[in-house]
Amino acid sequence: MGIFEVLVVDDKVEQAILDNKASEYAMRQAGEAQGMITMVQDGLLKALDGTTTVEEVFRVAR
């Protein structure tokens, strides 16, 4: 079992990468704006359904 975070690269994100203007913060904002679930959010959902624990989520997602 894993916890995941996937950023879908759309035209806006691609251009930011190509222009070398893509800070980690900007990429995270772009992802969240398009509905990306963060690694912590995915882990907490799995903790809620009993697949893992909150402690384990924060251990691996730091």
PDB file of N, CA and C in Angstrom:
ATOM      1  N   MET A   1       0.847  -1.168   0.000  1.00  0.00           N
ATOM      2  CA  MET A   1       0.000   0.000   0.000  1.00  0.00           C
ATOM      3  C   MET A   1       0.892   1.230   0.000  1.00  0.00           C
ATOM      4  N   GLY A   2       0.503   2.210  -0.743  1.00  0.00           N
ATOM      5  CA  GLY A   2       1.265   3.454  -0.792  1.00  0.00           C
ATOM      6  C   GLY A   2       0.340   4.646  -0.689  1.00  0.00           C
ATOM      7  N   ILE A   3       0.938   5.778  -0.376  1.00  0.00           N
ATOM      8  CA  ILE A   3       0.199   7.036  -0.462  1.00  0.00           C
ATOM      9  C   ILE A   3       0.834   7.837  -1.590  1.00  0.00           C
ATOM     10  N   PHE A   4      -0.005   8.541  -2.333  1.00  0.00           N
ATOM     11  CA  PHE A   4       0.471   9.140  -3.573  1.00  0.00           C
ATOM     12  C   PHE A   4       0.051  10.595  -3.721  1.00  0.00           C
ATOM     13  N   GLU A   5       0.821  11.296  -4.535  1.00  0.00           N
ATOM     14  CA  GLU A   5       0.524  12.666  -4.938  1.00  0.00           C
ATOM     15  C   GLU A   5       0.916  12.750  -6.409  1.00  0.00           C
ATOM     16  N   VAL A   6      -0.041  13.085  -7.258  1.00  0.00           N
ATOM     17  CA  VAL A   6       0.220  13.130  -8.696  1.00  0.00           C
ATOM     18  C   VAL A   6      -0.161  14.509  -9.231  1.00  0.00           C
ATOM     19  N   LEU A   7       0.782  15.146  -9.895  1.00  0.00           N
ATOM     20  CA  LEU A   7       0.526  16.440 -10.530  1.00  0.00           C
ATOM     21  C   LEU A   7       0.316  16.205 -12.018  1.00  0.00           C
ATOM     22  N   VAL A   8      -0.867  16.546 -12.501  1.00  0.00           N
ATOM     23  CA  VAL A   8      -1.151  16.459 -13.929  1.00  0.00           C
ATOM     24  C   VAL A   8      -0.575  17.714 -14.579  1.00  0.00           C
ATOM     25  N   VAL A   9       0.273  17.510 -15.569  1.00  0.00           N
ATOM     26  CA  VAL A   9       0.943  18.637 -16.222  1.00  0.00           C
ATOM     27  C   VAL A   9       0.070  19.135 -17.370  1.00  0.00           C
ATOM     28  N   ASP A  10      -0.588  20.269 -17.130  1.00  0.00           N
ATOM     29  CA  ASP A  10      -1.382  20.898 -18.182  1.00  0.00           C
ATOM     30  C   ASP A  10      -0.513  21.932 -18.902  1.00  0.00           C
ATOM     31  N   ASP A  11      -1.094  22.659 -19.847  1.00  0.00           N
ATOM     32  CA  ASP A  11      -0.318  23.635 -20.631  1.00  0.00           C
ATOM     33  C   ASP A  11       0.336  24.701 -19.754  1.00  0.00           C
ATOM     34  N   LYS A  12      -0.395  25.172 -18.750  1.00  0.00           N
ATOM     35  CA  LYS A  12       0.129  26.218 -17.866  1.00  0.00           C
ATOM     36  C   LYS A  12       1.339  25.716 -17.069  1.00  0.00           C
ATOM     37  N   VAL A  13       1.228  24.531 -16.510  1.00  0.00           N
ATOM     38  CA  VAL A  13       2.336  23.949 -15.739  1.00  0.00           C
ATOM     39  C   VAL A  13       3.512  23.656 -16.656  1.00  0.00           C
ATOM     40  N   GLU A  14       3.234  23.112 -17.830  1.00  0.00           N
ATOM     41  CA  GLU A  14       4.304  22.809 -18.781  1.00  0.00           C
ATOM     42  C   GLU A  14       5.084  24.067 -19.158  1.00  0.00           C
ATOM     43  N   GLN A  15       4.378  25.145 -19.426  1.00  0.00           N
ATOM     44  CA  GLN A  15       5.060  26.380 -19.817  1.00  0.00           C
ATOM     45  C   GLN A  15       5.904  26.923 -18.670  1.00  0.00           C
ATOM     46  N   ALA A  16       5.401  26.833 -17.450  1.00  0.00           N
ATOM     47  CA  ALA A  16       6.175  27.285 -16.287  1.00  0.00           C
ATOM     48  C   ALA A  16       7.456  26.471 -16.141  1.00  0.00           C
ATOM     49  N   ILE A  17       7.365  25.171 -16.395  1.00  0.00           N
ATOM     50  CA  ILE A  17       8.556  24.310 -16.327  1.00  0.00           C
ATOM     51  C   ILE A  17       9.542  24.702 -17.420  1.00  0.00           C
ATOM     52  N   LEU A  18       9.042  24.868 -18.642  1.00  0.00           N
ATOM     53  CA  LEU A  18       9.915  25.206 -19.764  1.00  0.00           C
ATOM     54  C   LEU A  18      10.571  26.572 -19.587  1.00  0.00           C
ATOM     55  N   ASP A  19       9.866  27.500 -18.954  1.00  0.00           N
ATOM     56  CA  ASP A  19      10.409  28.836 -18.708  1.00  0.00           C
ATOM     57  C   ASP A  19      11.289  28.883 -17.465  1.00  0.00           C
ATOM     58  N   ASN A  20      11.436  27.740 -16.799  1.00  0.00           N
ATOM     59  CA  ASN A  20      12.236  27.634 -15.572  1.00  0.00           C
ATOM     60  C   ASN A  20      11.719  28.581 -14.489  1.00  0.00           C
ATOM     61  N   LYS A  21      10.402  28.746 -14.444  1.00  0.00           N
ATOM     62  CA  LYS A  21       9.780  29.633 -13.459  1.00  0.00           C
ATOM     63  C   LYS A  21       8.917  28.847 -12.481  1.00  0.00           C
ATOM     64  N   ALA A  22       9.156  27.566 -12.375  1.00  0.00           N
ATOM     65  CA  ALA A  22       8.275  26.708 -11.594  1.00  0.00           C
ATOM     66  C   ALA A  22       8.882  26.381 -10.233  1.00  0.00           C
ATOM     67  N   SER A  23       8.588  27.204  -9.237  1.00  0.00           N
ATOM     68  CA  SER A  23       9.024  26.881  -7.881  1.00  0.00           C
ATOM     69  C   SER A  23       8.164  25.735  -7.352  1.00  0.00           C
ATOM     70  N   GLU A  24       8.648  25.070  -6.325  1.00  0.00           N
ATOM     71  CA  GLU A  24       7.874  23.983  -5.720  1.00  0.00           C
ATOM     72  C   GLU A  24       6.518  24.506  -5.236  1.00  0.00           C
ATOM     73  N   TYR A  25       6.537  25.681  -4.636  1.00  0.00           N
ATOM     74  CA  TYR A  25       5.300  26.287  -4.128  1.00  0.00           C
ATOM     75  C   TYR A  25       4.310  26.548  -5.268  1.00  0.00           C
ATOM     76  N   ALA A  26       4.799  27.097  -6.370  1.00  0.00           N
ATOM     77  CA  ALA A  26       3.934  27.390  -7.517  1.00  0.00           C
ATOM     78  C   ALA A  26       3.358  26.108  -8.109  1.00  0.00           C
ATOM     79  N   MET A  27       4.174  25.072  -8.172  1.00  0.00           N
ATOM     80  CA  MET A  27       3.700  23.793  -8.711  1.00  0.00           C
ATOM     81  C   MET A  27       2.616  23.203  -7.811  1.00  0.00           C
ATOM     82  N   ARG A  28       2.824  23.271  -6.502  1.00  0.00           N
ATOM     83  CA  ARG A  28       1.827  22.755  -5.556  1.00  0.00           C
ATOM     84  C   ARG A  28       0.518  23.539  -5.695  1.00  0.00           C
ATOM     85  N   GLN A  29       0.614  24.856  -5.803  1.00  0.00           N
ATOM     86  CA  GLN A  29      -0.589  25.680  -5.974  1.00  0.00           C
ATOM     87  C   GLN A  29      -1.328  25.310  -7.257  1.00  0.00           C
ATOM     88  N   ALA A  30      -0.581  25.131  -8.333  1.00  0.00           N
ATOM     89  CA  ALA A  30      -1.199  24.768  -9.613  1.00  0.00           C
ATOM     90  C   ALA A  30      -1.896  23.421  -9.499  1.00  0.00           C
ATOM     91  N   GLY A  31      -1.253  22.478  -8.866  1.00  0.00           N
ATOM     92  CA  GLY A  31      -1.845  21.154  -8.689  1.00  0.00           C
ATOM     93  C   GLY A  31      -3.107  21.200  -7.854  1.00  0.00           C
ATOM     94  N   GLU A  32      -3.040  21.897  -6.743  1.00  0.00           N
ATOM     95  CA  GLU A  32      -4.209  21.986  -5.873  1.00  0.00           C
ATOM     96  C   GLU A  32      -5.351  22.720  -6.566  1.00  0.00           C
ATOM     97  N   ALA A  33      -5.035  23.706  -7.405  1.00  0.00           N
ATOM     98  CA  ALA A  33      -6.067  24.432  -8.151  1.00  0.00           C
ATOM     99  C   ALA A  33      -6.794  23.519  -9.133  1.00  0.00           C
ATOM    100  N   GLN A  34      -6.095  22.493  -9.644  1.00  0.00           N
ATOM    101  CA  GLN A  34      -6.738  21.565 -10.572  1.00  0.00           C
ATOM    102  C   GLN A  34      -7.281  20.323  -9.872  1.00  0.00           C
ATOM    103  N   GLY A  35      -7.312  20.358  -8.516  1.00  0.00           N
ATOM    104  CA  GLY A  35      -7.943  19.278  -7.770  1.00  0.00           C
ATOM    105  C   GLY A  35      -7.016  18.179  -7.293  1.00  0.00           C
ATOM    106  N   MET A  36      -5.715  18.398  -7.349  1.00  0.00           N
ATOM    107  CA  MET A  36      -4.764  17.390  -6.898  1.00  0.00           C
ATOM    108  C   MET A  36      -4.979  17.089  -5.416  1.00  0.00           C
ATOM    109  N   ILE A  37      -4.932  15.824  -5.063  1.00  0.00           N
ATOM    110  CA  ILE A  37      -4.956  15.403  -3.668  1.00  0.00           C
ATOM    111  C   ILE A  37      -3.506  15.250  -3.230  1.00  0.00           C
ATOM    112  N   THR A  38      -3.127  15.936  -2.156  1.00  0.00           N
ATOM    113  CA  THR A  38      -1.745  15.866  -1.692  1.00  0.00           C
ATOM    114  C   THR A  38      -1.465  14.511  -1.048  1.00  0.00           C
ATOM    115  N   MET A  39      -0.185  14.215  -0.855  1.00  0.00           N
ATOM    116  CA  MET A  39       0.208  12.962  -0.239  1.00  0.00           C
ATOM    117  C   MET A  39      -0.389  12.843   1.168  1.00  0.00           C
ATOM    118  N   VAL A  40      -0.365  13.926   1.925  1.00  0.00           N
ATOM    119  CA  VAL A  40      -0.935  13.895   3.278  1.00  0.00           C
ATOM    120  C   VAL A  40      -2.444  13.655   3.211  1.00  0.00           C
ATOM    121  N   GLN A  41      -3.127  14.329   2.294  1.00  0.00           N
ATOM    122  CA  GLN A  41      -4.571  14.125   2.158  1.00  0.00           C
ATOM    123  C   GLN A  41      -4.884  12.678   1.792  1.00  0.00           C
ATOM    124  N   ASP A  42      -4.138  12.110   0.848  1.00  0.00           N
ATOM    125  CA  ASP A  42      -4.347  10.721   0.448  1.00  0.00           C
ATOM    126  C   ASP A  42      -4.102   9.788   1.627  1.00  0.00           C
ATOM    127  N   GLY A  43      -3.032  10.065   2.370  1.00  0.00           N
ATOM    128  CA  GLY A  43      -2.726   9.242   3.536  1.00  0.00           C
ATOM    129  C   GLY A  43      -3.805   9.327   4.599  1.00  0.00           C
ATOM    130  N   LEU A  44      -4.311  10.520   4.849  1.00  0.00           N
ATOM    131  CA  LEU A  44      -5.357  10.670   5.863  1.00  0.00           C
ATOM    132  C   LEU A  44      -6.646   9.967   5.446  1.00  0.00           C
ATOM    133  N   LEU A  45      -6.956   9.990   4.165  1.00  0.00           N
ATOM    134  CA  LEU A  45      -8.116   9.230   3.684  1.00  0.00           C
ATOM    135  C   LEU A  45      -7.923   7.738   3.948  1.00  0.00           C
ATOM    136  N   LYS A  46      -6.705   7.250   3.748  1.00  0.00           N
ATOM    137  CA  LYS A  46      -6.413   5.834   3.998  1.00  0.00           C
ATOM    138  C   LYS A  46      -6.401   5.527   5.494  1.00  0.00           C
ATOM    139  N   ALA A  47      -6.014   6.497   6.314  1.00  0.00           N
ATOM    140  CA  ALA A  47      -6.084   6.307   7.768  1.00  0.00           C
ATOM    141  C   ALA A  47      -7.547   6.233   8.214  1.00  0.00           C
ATOM    142  N   LEU A  48      -8.398   7.054   7.614  1.00  0.00           N
ATOM    143  CA  LEU A  48      -9.821   7.030   7.964  1.00  0.00           C
ATOM    144  C   LEU A  48     -10.472   5.693   7.642  1.00  0.00           C
ATOM    145  N   ASP A  49     -10.036   5.064   6.544  1.00  0.00           N
ATOM    146  CA  ASP A  49     -10.647   3.773   6.205  1.00  0.00           C
ATOM    147  C   ASP A  49      -9.928   2.593   6.857  1.00  0.00           C
ATOM    148  N   GLY A  50      -8.914   2.882   7.691  1.00  0.00           N
ATOM    149  CA  GLY A  50      -8.245   1.830   8.452  1.00  0.00           C
ATOM    150  C   GLY A  50      -7.085   1.160   7.751  1.00  0.00           C
ATOM    151  N   THR A  51      -6.724   1.623   6.561  1.00  0.00           N
ATOM    152  CA  THR A  51      -5.627   1.020   5.807  1.00  0.00           C
ATOM    153  C   THR A  51      -4.276   1.301   6.446  1.00  0.00           C
ATOM    154  N   THR A  52      -4.140   2.458   7.088  1.00  0.00           N
ATOM    155  CA  THR A  52      -2.890   2.850   7.741  1.00  0.00           C
ATOM    156  C   THR A  52      -3.228   3.679   8.972  1.00  0.00           C
ATOM    157  N   THR A  53      -2.216   4.225   9.614  1.00  0.00           N
ATOM    158  CA  THR A  53      -2.436   5.070  10.794  1.00  0.00           C
ATOM    159  C   THR A  53      -2.004   6.503  10.487  1.00  0.00           C
ATOM    160  N   VAL A  54      -2.529   7.422  11.261  1.00  0.00           N
ATOM    161  CA  VAL A  54      -2.147   8.827  11.108  1.00  0.00           C
ATOM    162  C   VAL A  54      -0.652   8.987  11.367  1.00  0.00           C
ATOM    163  N   GLU A  55      -0.138   8.285  12.360  1.00  0.00           N
ATOM    164  CA  GLU A  55       1.293   8.363  12.673  1.00  0.00           C
ATOM    165  C   GLU A  55       2.140   7.935  11.481  1.00  0.00           C
ATOM    166  N   GLU A  56       1.734   6.863  10.815  1.00  0.00           N
ATOM    167  CA  GLU A  56       2.484   6.376   9.655  1.00  0.00           C
ATOM    168  C   GLU A  56       2.416   7.377   8.502  1.00  0.00           C
ATOM    169  N   VAL A  57       1.270   7.989   8.307  1.00  0.00           N
ATOM    170  CA  VAL A  57       1.126   8.997   7.246  1.00  0.00           C
ATOM    171  C   VAL A  57       2.133  10.119   7.454  1.00  0.00           C
ATOM    172  N   PHE A  58       2.185  10.656   8.655  1.00  0.00           N
ATOM    173  CA  PHE A  58       3.085  11.782   8.909  1.00  0.00           C
ATOM    174  C   PHE A  58       4.547  11.356   8.947  1.00  0.00           C
ATOM    175  N   ARG A  59       4.806  10.088   9.259  1.00  0.00           N
ATOM    176  CA  ARG A  59       6.184   9.601   9.227  1.00  0.00           C
ATOM    177  C   ARG A  59       6.719   9.588   7.798  1.00  0.00           C
ATOM    178  N   VAL A  60       5.907   9.131   6.857  1.00  0.00           N
ATOM    179  CA  VAL A  60       6.401   8.983   5.483  1.00  0.00           C
ATOM    180  C   VAL A  60       6.192  10.222   4.616  1.00  0.00           C
ATOM    181  N   ALA A  61       5.302  11.119   5.024  1.00  0.00           N
ATOM    182  CA  ALA A  61       4.975  12.269   4.174  1.00  0.00           C
ATOM    183  C   ALA A  61       5.708  13.543   4.561  1.00  0.00           C
ATOM    184  N   ARG A  62       6.642  13.459   5.447  1.00  0.00           N
ATOM    185  CA  ARG A  62       7.334  14.692   5.857  1.00  0.00           C
ATOM    186  C   ARG A  62       8.355  15.140   4.877  1.00  0.00           C
TER     187      ARG A  62
END
